[in-house]
Amino acid sequence: MQPNSCQPHEHVSRRSLLKGALASSGGALMNWGGLFSSDAHAATARQQGKRCILIWLNGGCSQFETFDMKVGRSTGGLFREISTNLPGTRICELMPRMAQRMDKLTVIRSMRTSQIDHPGGIYLMHTGWSQAANTQFPEVGAIVAKYCGAAESDLPNFVKISSNGDAGAGILGPRYQPFQLGRDGDLPTFSTSPLQPQAELRRHELRDFVEGEYAKHHHADPVRMHRESYERARRLHHVRDTFQLDAEWERYRERYGNSKIGRRMMIAARLVEAGVAFVEVGQSGYDTHADNFEGHKSLVPPMEHAWGALLDDLEERGLLQDTLVVWMGEIGRTPNINNRSGRDHYVRSWTTALAGGGVKGGLVYGESDDDGVDVKSDFVFDGAFFTTIYTTLGIDPKAENFSGVRPIPLAPFGHRVVRDILT
């Protein structure tokens, strides 16, 4: 060995060297990933102009009462199956509109996930990660907002309408926090100032001056975060009309169905058309440990009516090819029917569905066994599901952001992209 050579373990990577140099100079950064690859990945993703709508079925919709029926088996339940416009594929009679739009869907009948309770499942199926004590993983909506959203837009890039995910932006910071609309898609009270415009402007200028002077001497993340959050809330005043959709709802009420979920999906379509990168639309009530069949009979028809209208509306406006629509909850339901005519939590074999945005239409991927107890072929694990979603949206799932000095990929390492479902 040469006198001046060093051992491999003594080498310092360029990334580590840059981190150390910046840290020693007082350059505290919340998101190291932006220094290295994250911003470059975001710029590439934005060029593709992709958007995403998540239809979130809180509580866990039953695969047996939707897309993976087991008619004639002890696990089959009460409903009949109906033919679809996809030859050889049959689904539940509760979904007649979607039966005629199966050519637009990829249905995944082979999901297997790890979190069987609601909090863990909601977190997992919003982030792609199980909860960890020391890391706040960002929701898929925050990631899409960062990588596909318009950074300088007055509109928020991540909007939730009556949804139950609560992980938020995590390590990505307040810039990518979800903007919450009410159950009817109404704006929160803070979006309207009680002051006259001139008085509000004077107050804003005073606050901005005081905070600016404070920030000159206090280079702390909470100070910056507060200023960013306040500024984004204030910028909503410029785009309030985008959320004024009562007249639009009167025109499209019949098409989407006169229901809360119908109105939410219509609003989602208009928001992505206006440039919002990610909209999550929630419908609750699927935790049917009792009266599973009555529960799904009341919930599924208005949801599937609105879902069908959403796909048609996006397609007619030329948006579907660039808008990924994801349909899922946090868990599936058990094959066995309990003594309360209910189905309990189940994660060994369940169903999700995708449409638009670069996935194939007219595809049923994976298969459960005869009773729906286990996956028979083509497992899709949660990590692979999110890896595929990000890839479809033009986002590199291996891109990293940082929690302190720890690099965090967007999706867990070691999971493959499900290429068979992509166009």
Protein backbone atom coordinates (compact mmCIF):
# COMPACT_ATOMS: atom_id res chain seq x y z
CA MET A 1 0.00 0.00 0.00
CA GLN A 2 1.29 3.49 -0.85
CA PRO A 3 2.11 5.71 2.15
CA ASN A 4 -0.52 8.33 1.28
CA SER A 5 -3.34 6.00 0.25
CA CYS A 6 -6.40 5.46 2.43
CA GLN A 7 -8.64 2.54 3.27
CA PRO A 8 -12.03 2.29 1.51
CA HIS A 9 -13.88 2.96 4.76
CA GLU A 10 -12.03 6.27 5.10
CA HIS A 11 -13.40 7.69 1.85
CA VAL A 12 -15.92 10.52 2.11
CA SER A 13 -18.60 10.80 -0.55
CA ARG A 14 -19.23 14.09 -2.35
CA ARG A 15 -22.69 14.19 -0.77
CA SER A 16 -21.29 13.74 2.74
CA LEU A 17 -18.59 16.35 2.10
CA LEU A 18 -21.12 18.91 0.89
CA LYS A 19 -23.37 18.25 3.84
CA GLY A 20 -20.57 18.69 6.30
CA ALA A 21 -19.35 21.89 4.67
CA LEU A 22 -22.79 23.45 4.63
CA ALA A 23 -23.64 22.35 8.15
CA SER A 24 -20.40 23.78 9.51
CA SER A 25 -21.14 27.13 7.84
CA GLY A 26 -24.55 27.34 9.47
CA GLY A 27 -26.51 26.26 6.40
CA ALA A 28 -29.26 24.33 8.21
CA LEU A 29 -31.60 22.81 5.66
CA MET A 30 -34.83 20.98 6.21
CA ASN A 31 -34.73 19.03 2.96
CA TRP A 32 -31.26 18.00 1.84
CA GLY A 33 -32.69 16.17 -1.13
CA GLY A 34 -33.34 19.48 -2.85
CA LEU A 35 -29.59 20.15 -3.01
CA PHE A 36 -28.74 17.04 -4.91
CA SER A 37 -31.35 15.26 -6.95
CA SER A 38 -34.81 16.14 -5.69
CA ASP A 39 -35.21 19.43 -7.57
CA ALA A 40 -33.88 17.92 -10.78
CA HIS A 41 -36.34 15.03 -10.50
CA ALA A 42 -39.16 17.49 -9.83
CA ALA A 43 -38.30 19.54 -12.91
CA THR A 44 -38.34 16.40 -15.06
CA ALA A 45 -41.68 15.24 -13.65
CA ARG A 46 -43.32 18.65 -14.15
CA GLN A 47 -42.47 18.57 -17.85
CA GLN A 48 -44.86 15.64 -18.26
CA GLY A 49 -47.80 17.60 -16.83
CA LYS A 50 -49.28 14.67 -14.90
CA ARG A 51 -52.03 15.00 -12.27
CA CYS A 52 -53.61 12.55 -9.84
CA ILE A 53 -57.03 12.09 -8.21
CA LEU A 54 -57.31 9.66 -5.30
CA ILE A 55 -60.76 8.26 -4.53
CA TRP A 56 -60.36 7.21 -0.89
CA LEU A 57 -62.86 4.69 0.52
CA ASN A 58 -62.34 5.13 4.23
CA GLY A 59 -62.78 2.02 6.35
CA GLY A 60 -61.90 -0.41 3.57
CA CYS A 61 -64.29 -1.26 0.75
CA SER A 62 -65.06 -4.95 0.23
CA GLN A 63 -63.51 -6.58 -2.81
CA PHE A 64 -66.27 -9.20 -2.68
CA GLU A 65 -68.98 -6.58 -3.17
CA THR A 66 -67.15 -4.77 -5.99
CA PHE A 67 -64.52 -6.26 -8.31
CA ASP A 68 -63.64 -9.74 -7.00
CA MET A 69 -66.87 -11.63 -6.41
CA LYS A 70 -66.99 -15.27 -5.40
CA VAL A 71 -70.52 -16.19 -6.42
CA GLY A 72 -71.53 -19.69 -5.38
CA ARG A 73 -68.81 -19.98 -2.73
CA SER A 74 -69.37 -19.71 1.01
CA THR A 75 -67.50 -16.40 0.94
CA GLY A 76 -69.57 -14.98 -1.90
CA GLY A 77 -72.16 -12.88 -0.13
CA LEU A 78 -75.63 -11.82 -1.27
CA PHE A 79 -75.18 -9.90 -4.50
CA ARG A 80 -75.23 -11.13 -8.08
CA GLU A 81 -72.52 -10.50 -10.64
CA ILE A 82 -73.08 -8.73 -13.95
CA SER A 83 -71.29 -8.73 -17.28
CA THR A 84 -68.98 -5.88 -18.27
CA ASN A 85 -67.66 -4.41 -21.49
CA LEU A 86 -64.47 -6.40 -20.85
CA PRO A 87 -65.17 -9.90 -22.23
CA GLY A 88 -64.98 -12.61 -19.58
CA THR A 89 -64.93 -10.18 -16.66
CA ARG A 90 -67.86 -9.86 -14.27
CA ILE A 91 -68.31 -7.52 -11.32
CA CYS A 92 -70.92 -6.76 -8.67
CA GLU A 93 -74.43 -5.72 -9.66
CA LEU A 94 -74.01 -2.63 -7.47
CA MET A 95 -71.68 -1.19 -10.14
CA PRO A 96 -73.57 -1.06 -13.46
CA ARG A 97 -71.92 2.16 -14.66
CA MET A 98 -68.41 0.92 -13.98
CA ALA A 99 -69.30 -2.36 -15.67
CA GLN A 100 -69.56 -0.33 -18.88
CA ARG A 101 -66.25 1.43 -18.22
CA MET A 102 -64.03 -1.54 -17.43
CA ASP A 103 -62.20 -0.77 -20.66
CA LYS A 104 -60.83 2.32 -18.88
CA LEU A 105 -59.63 0.50 -15.74
CA THR A 106 -56.78 -1.59 -14.48
CA VAL A 107 -58.19 -3.60 -11.58
CA ILE A 108 -55.60 -5.17 -9.28
CA ARG A 109 -57.08 -8.22 -7.56
CA SER A 110 -53.86 -9.30 -5.86
CA MET A 111 -53.02 -6.64 -3.29
CA ARG A 112 -51.23 -7.79 -0.13
CA THR A 113 -50.35 -5.27 2.56
CA SER A 114 -49.04 -5.36 6.11
CA GLN A 115 -51.21 -3.09 8.28
CA ILE A 116 -54.52 -4.61 9.34
CA ASP A 117 -55.77 -1.83 11.62
CA HIS A 118 -57.21 1.46 10.40
CA PRO A 119 -54.57 3.95 11.64
CA GLY A 120 -51.70 1.81 10.35
CA GLY A 121 -53.48 1.04 7.09
CA ILE A 122 -54.44 4.65 6.43
CA TYR A 123 -50.86 5.74 7.01
CA LEU A 124 -49.42 2.93 4.86
CA MET A 125 -51.78 3.47 1.94
CA HIS A 126 -51.22 7.21 1.98
CA THR A 127 -47.42 7.12 2.22
CA GLY A 128 -46.23 3.68 1.07
CA TRP A 129 -44.48 3.27 4.44
CA SER A 130 -45.34 1.83 7.85
CA GLN A 131 -45.23 4.33 10.68
CA ALA A 132 -41.79 4.91 12.22
CA ALA A 133 -40.93 6.70 15.43
CA ASN A 134 -38.24 8.97 14.00
CA THR A 135 -39.40 9.70 10.44
CA GLN A 136 -42.45 11.58 9.18
CA PHE A 137 -43.06 10.08 5.75
CA PRO A 138 -44.96 12.34 3.32
CA GLU A 139 -48.27 11.36 1.80
CA VAL A 140 -48.45 10.55 -1.88
CA GLY A 141 -50.35 13.82 -2.37
CA ALA A 142 -47.48 15.86 -0.94
CA ILE A 143 -44.99 14.03 -3.15
CA VAL A 144 -47.07 14.62 -6.27
CA ALA A 145 -47.46 18.28 -5.25
CA LYS A 146 -43.70 18.66 -5.01
CA TYR A 147 -42.71 16.80 -8.15
CA CYS A 148 -45.64 17.56 -10.45
CA GLY A 149 -47.09 20.79 -9.05
CA ALA A 150 -46.53 24.36 -10.20
CA ALA A 151 -44.30 25.83 -7.51
CA GLU A 152 -45.41 29.45 -7.98
CA SER A 153 -49.12 28.78 -8.45
CA ASP A 154 -51.56 30.65 -6.23
CA LEU A 155 -53.61 27.46 -6.16
CA PRO A 156 -52.59 24.78 -3.66
CA ASN A 157 -51.01 21.77 -5.32
CA PHE A 158 -52.45 19.25 -2.84
CA VAL A 159 -56.17 19.43 -2.01
CA LYS A 160 -58.24 17.09 0.16
CA ILE A 161 -62.02 16.97 0.13
CA SER A 162 -63.50 15.15 3.13
CA SER A 163 -60.69 12.68 3.54
CA ASN A 164 -59.11 10.87 6.47
CA GLY A 165 -55.40 10.61 5.74
CA ASP A 166 -53.41 12.60 8.28
CA ALA A 167 -49.70 12.05 7.55
CA GLY A 168 -49.47 15.34 5.66
CA ALA A 169 -46.29 16.55 4.04
CA GLY A 170 -43.99 15.03 6.65
CA ILE A 171 -40.34 15.71 5.92
CA LEU A 172 -41.21 17.76 2.82
CA GLY A 173 -42.36 20.65 5.00
CA PRO A 174 -45.37 23.01 5.10
CA ARG A 175 -45.10 24.08 1.47
CA TYR A 176 -46.60 20.71 0.50
CA GLN A 177 -49.20 20.35 3.26
CA PRO A 178 -52.70 19.44 2.04
CA PHE A 179 -55.27 22.18 1.69
CA GLN A 180 -58.47 20.87 3.28
CA LEU A 181 -61.89 21.60 1.85
CA GLY A 182 -65.08 20.83 3.74
CA ARG A 183 -67.40 17.89 3.18
CA ASP A 184 -69.26 19.79 0.47
CA GLY A 185 -66.09 21.17 -1.06
CA ASP A 186 -66.50 24.52 0.69
CA LEU A 187 -63.52 26.72 1.53
CA PRO A 188 -62.30 26.97 5.14
CA THR A 189 -63.08 30.12 7.09
CA PHE A 190 -59.47 31.32 7.10
CA SER A 191 -59.58 31.74 3.33
CA THR A 192 -61.66 34.91 3.72
CA SER A 193 -60.40 37.99 5.54
CA PRO A 194 -62.95 39.81 7.73
CA LEU A 195 -61.18 43.11 6.92
CA GLN A 196 -61.67 45.53 4.07
CA PRO A 197 -59.01 45.01 1.34
CA GLN A 198 -57.01 48.15 2.16
CA ALA A 199 -56.99 47.39 5.89
CA GLU A 200 -55.97 43.81 5.20
CA LEU A 201 -53.13 44.98 2.95
CA ARG A 202 -51.80 47.39 5.59
CA ARG A 203 -51.91 44.66 8.23
CA HIS A 204 -50.12 42.27 5.88
CA GLU A 205 -47.38 44.81 5.11
CA LEU A 206 -46.80 45.47 8.81
CA ARG A 207 -46.68 41.76 9.63
CA ASP A 208 -44.35 41.11 6.71
CA PHE A 209 -41.98 43.87 7.83
CA VAL A 210 -41.85 42.67 11.45
CA GLU A 211 -41.33 39.05 10.47
CA GLY A 212 -38.73 40.02 7.89
CA GLU A 213 -36.71 41.94 10.47
CA TYR A 214 -36.97 39.04 12.88
CA ALA A 215 -35.88 36.56 10.22
CA LYS A 216 -32.70 38.52 9.53
CA HIS A 217 -31.40 37.54 12.95
CA HIS A 218 -33.16 34.20 13.50
CA HIS A 219 -32.34 31.73 10.73
CA ALA A 220 -34.66 28.99 11.94
CA ASP A 221 -36.94 26.66 10.03
CA PRO A 222 -40.06 27.48 12.11
CA VAL A 223 -39.72 31.16 11.17
CA ARG A 224 -39.45 30.36 7.47
CA MET A 225 -42.27 27.82 7.67
CA HIS A 226 -44.61 30.31 9.29
CA ARG A 227 -43.93 32.93 6.65
CA GLU A 228 -44.42 30.42 3.82
CA SER A 229 -47.68 29.09 5.29
CA TYR A 230 -49.09 32.56 5.84
CA GLU A 231 -48.14 33.69 2.37
CA ARG A 232 -49.74 30.67 0.70
CA ALA A 233 -52.94 31.19 2.69
CA ARG A 234 -52.99 34.84 1.66
CA ARG A 235 -52.46 33.98 -2.01
CA LEU A 236 -55.72 32.01 -1.96
CA HIS A 237 -57.55 35.35 -2.18
CA HIS A 238 -56.42 35.58 -5.81
CA VAL A 239 -57.95 32.25 -6.80
CA ARG A 240 -61.10 32.01 -4.68
CA ASP A 241 -63.26 31.94 -7.80
CA THR A 242 -61.73 28.59 -8.76
CA PHE A 243 -63.54 27.06 -5.77
CA GLN A 244 -66.88 28.73 -6.44
CA LEU A 245 -68.52 25.80 -8.18
CA ASP A 246 -72.19 25.99 -7.19
CA ALA A 247 -73.28 26.96 -10.70
CA GLU A 248 -71.13 24.21 -12.17
CA TRP A 249 -72.71 21.69 -9.80
CA GLU A 250 -76.20 22.67 -10.92
CA ARG A 251 -75.17 21.84 -14.50
CA TYR A 252 -73.53 18.52 -13.65
CA ARG A 253 -75.60 17.32 -10.71
CA GLU A 254 -77.52 14.73 -12.71
CA ARG A 255 -74.43 13.46 -14.46
CA TYR A 256 -72.44 12.89 -11.27
CA GLY A 257 -75.45 11.90 -9.19
CA ASN A 258 -77.12 14.07 -6.59
CA SER A 259 -74.85 12.99 -3.74
CA LYS A 260 -72.03 14.39 -1.63
CA ILE A 261 -69.50 12.04 -3.26
CA GLY A 262 -70.78 13.15 -6.68
CA ARG A 263 -70.19 16.81 -5.86
CA ARG A 264 -66.72 16.05 -4.49
CA MET A 265 -65.69 14.20 -7.65
CA MET A 266 -66.99 17.00 -9.86
CA ILE A 267 -64.93 19.48 -7.84
CA ALA A 268 -61.87 17.22 -8.19
CA ALA A 269 -62.23 17.23 -11.96
CA ARG A 270 -62.45 21.03 -12.05
CA LEU A 271 -59.46 21.46 -9.75
CA VAL A 272 -57.13 19.29 -11.82
CA GLU A 273 -58.34 21.12 -14.91
CA ALA A 274 -57.36 24.38 -13.17
CA GLY A 275 -53.88 22.99 -12.50
CA VAL A 276 -54.00 21.38 -9.06
CA ALA A 277 -51.55 18.47 -9.09
CA PHE A 278 -53.27 16.15 -6.58
CA VAL A 279 -56.83 15.97 -5.27
CA GLU A 280 -58.04 13.41 -2.75
CA VAL A 281 -61.78 12.75 -2.51
CA GLY A 282 -63.06 10.79 0.48
CA GLN A 283 -66.12 8.68 1.19
CA SER A 284 -66.48 7.14 4.65
CA GLY A 285 -68.49 4.27 6.09
CA TYR A 286 -66.87 1.14 4.68
CA ASP A 287 -65.81 -0.37 8.01
CA THR A 288 -68.66 -2.86 7.80
CA HIS A 289 -68.06 -5.26 10.70
CA ALA A 290 -71.85 -5.45 10.85
CA ASP A 291 -74.44 -5.17 8.07
CA ASN A 292 -71.79 -5.33 5.37
CA PHE A 293 -74.29 -5.88 2.58
CA GLU A 294 -76.63 -3.07 3.59
CA GLY A 295 -73.64 -0.80 4.06
CA HIS A 296 -72.26 -1.45 0.60
CA LYS A 297 -75.73 -1.25 -0.93
CA SER A 298 -76.00 2.34 0.30
CA LEU A 299 -72.40 3.44 -0.33
CA VAL A 300 -71.31 1.83 -3.59
CA PRO A 301 -74.05 2.99 -6.03
CA PRO A 302 -73.55 6.77 -5.52
CA MET A 303 -69.78 6.31 -5.49
CA GLU A 304 -69.62 4.27 -8.69
CA HIS A 305 -72.10 6.60 -10.42
CA ALA A 306 -69.84 9.56 -9.64
CA TRP A 307 -66.68 7.62 -10.49
CA GLY A 308 -68.01 6.76 -13.94
CA ALA A 309 -68.97 10.39 -14.52
CA LEU A 310 -65.52 11.53 -13.40
CA LEU A 311 -63.78 9.29 -15.94
CA ASP A 312 -66.12 10.41 -18.73
CA ASP A 313 -65.73 14.07 -17.81
CA LEU A 314 -61.93 13.89 -17.71
CA GLU A 315 -61.83 12.04 -21.01
CA GLU A 316 -64.11 14.53 -22.77
CA ARG A 317 -61.96 17.42 -21.56
CA GLY A 318 -58.78 15.74 -22.80
CA LEU A 319 -57.47 15.29 -19.24
CA LEU A 320 -57.73 11.55 -18.59
CA GLN A 321 -54.56 10.57 -20.44
CA ASP A 322 -52.54 12.78 -18.08
CA THR A 323 -54.61 12.28 -14.91
CA LEU A 324 -54.12 9.11 -12.90
CA VAL A 325 -57.27 8.15 -10.98
CA VAL A 326 -56.60 5.83 -8.02
CA TRP A 327 -59.44 3.96 -6.27
CA MET A 328 -58.63 2.38 -2.91
CA GLY A 329 -59.06 2.27 0.86
CA GLU A 330 -56.69 1.19 3.58
CA ILE A 331 -57.67 -2.51 3.75
CA GLY A 332 -59.94 -5.13 2.23
CA ARG A 333 -62.64 -7.21 3.92
CA THR A 334 -62.55 -10.79 5.14
CA PRO A 335 -63.73 -13.74 3.03
CA ASN A 336 -65.73 -15.08 5.96
CA ILE A 337 -68.98 -13.40 6.94
CA ASN A 338 -69.31 -12.96 10.69
CA ASN A 339 -72.38 -13.49 12.89
CA ARG A 340 -73.41 -9.84 12.46
CA SER A 341 -73.63 -10.19 8.68
CA GLY A 342 -70.39 -8.27 8.45
CA ARG A 343 -66.90 -8.61 7.06
CA ASP A 344 -63.83 -7.73 9.14
CA HIS A 345 -60.39 -6.35 8.19
CA TYR A 346 -58.32 -8.27 5.66
CA VAL A 347 -54.98 -7.62 3.95
CA ARG A 348 -53.84 -10.98 2.53
CA SER A 349 -55.75 -10.52 -0.72
CA TRP A 350 -57.74 -7.44 -1.73
CA THR A 351 -58.43 -5.04 -4.59
CA THR A 352 -57.50 -1.59 -5.88
CA ALA A 353 -58.12 0.05 -9.25
CA LEU A 354 -56.39 2.61 -11.49
CA ALA A 355 -57.42 4.54 -14.59
CA GLY A 356 -55.92 7.09 -16.96
CA GLY A 357 -52.53 8.72 -16.53
CA GLY A 358 -50.50 6.05 -18.30
CA VAL A 359 -52.04 2.80 -17.08
CA LYS A 360 -53.69 0.29 -19.37
CA GLY A 361 -57.44 0.13 -19.69
CA GLY A 362 -59.37 -3.12 -19.86
CA LEU A 363 -56.96 -5.07 -17.65
CA VAL A 364 -57.51 -7.26 -14.61
CA TYR A 365 -54.14 -7.85 -13.00
CA GLY A 366 -53.51 -10.64 -10.52
CA GLU A 367 -55.89 -13.22 -9.17
CA SER A 368 -57.17 -14.41 -5.82
CA ASP A 369 -57.96 -18.05 -5.10
CA ASP A 370 -61.43 -19.59 -5.35
CA ASP A 371 -62.60 -18.26 -1.99
CA GLY A 372 -60.62 -15.01 -1.97
CA VAL A 373 -58.51 -16.17 0.97
CA ASP A 374 -55.12 -15.71 -0.66
CA VAL A 375 -53.43 -14.32 -3.75
CA LYS A 376 -53.17 -16.95 -6.44
CA SER A 377 -50.93 -15.07 -8.87
CA ASP A 378 -49.06 -11.77 -9.36
CA PHE A 379 -48.77 -10.40 -5.84
CA VAL A 380 -48.75 -6.59 -5.58
CA PHE A 381 -47.30 -5.39 -2.28
CA ASP A 382 -47.74 -1.86 -0.97
CA GLY A 383 -44.19 -0.85 -1.93
CA ALA A 384 -44.69 -2.05 -5.51
CA PHE A 385 -48.03 -0.26 -5.69
CA PHE A 386 -46.51 3.11 -4.80
CA THR A 387 -43.42 2.51 -6.92
CA THR A 388 -45.75 1.97 -9.88
CA ILE A 389 -47.87 5.03 -9.12
CA TYR A 390 -44.83 7.30 -8.99
CA THR A 391 -43.41 5.82 -12.17
CA THR A 392 -46.72 6.35 -13.97
CA LEU A 393 -46.68 10.00 -12.94
CA GLY A 394 -43.14 10.49 -14.23
CA ILE A 395 -41.63 10.59 -10.73
CA ASP A 396 -38.53 8.54 -9.96
CA PRO A 397 -39.51 6.40 -6.91
CA LYS A 398 -35.83 6.26 -5.92
CA ALA A 399 -35.55 10.04 -5.61
CA GLU A 400 -34.54 11.02 -2.08
CA ASN A 401 -35.48 13.65 0.44
CA PHE A 402 -33.85 13.90 3.83
CA SER A 403 -34.99 13.45 7.39
CA GLY A 404 -32.10 15.13 9.17
CA VAL A 405 -29.12 13.44 7.53
CA ARG A 406 -30.99 10.26 6.62
CA PRO A 407 -31.92 9.88 2.93
CA ILE A 408 -35.52 8.75 2.45
CA PRO A 409 -36.56 7.44 -0.99
CA LEU A 410 -40.07 8.22 -2.17
CA ALA A 411 -40.97 4.53 -2.18
CA PRO A 412 -39.26 1.75 -0.19
CA PHE A 413 -36.25 0.20 -1.91
CA GLY A 414 -36.47 -3.31 -3.29
CA HIS A 415 -39.94 -3.10 -4.85
CA ARG A 416 -40.46 -3.56 -8.57
CA VAL A 417 -42.58 -1.47 -10.88
CA VAL A 418 -45.61 -3.48 -12.08
CA ARG A 419 -44.76 -2.88 -15.73
CA ASP A 420 -47.58 -5.05 -17.04
CA ILE A 421 -50.18 -2.44 -16.09
CA LEU A 422 -48.44 0.51 -17.74
CA THR A 423 -48.99 1.65 -21.32
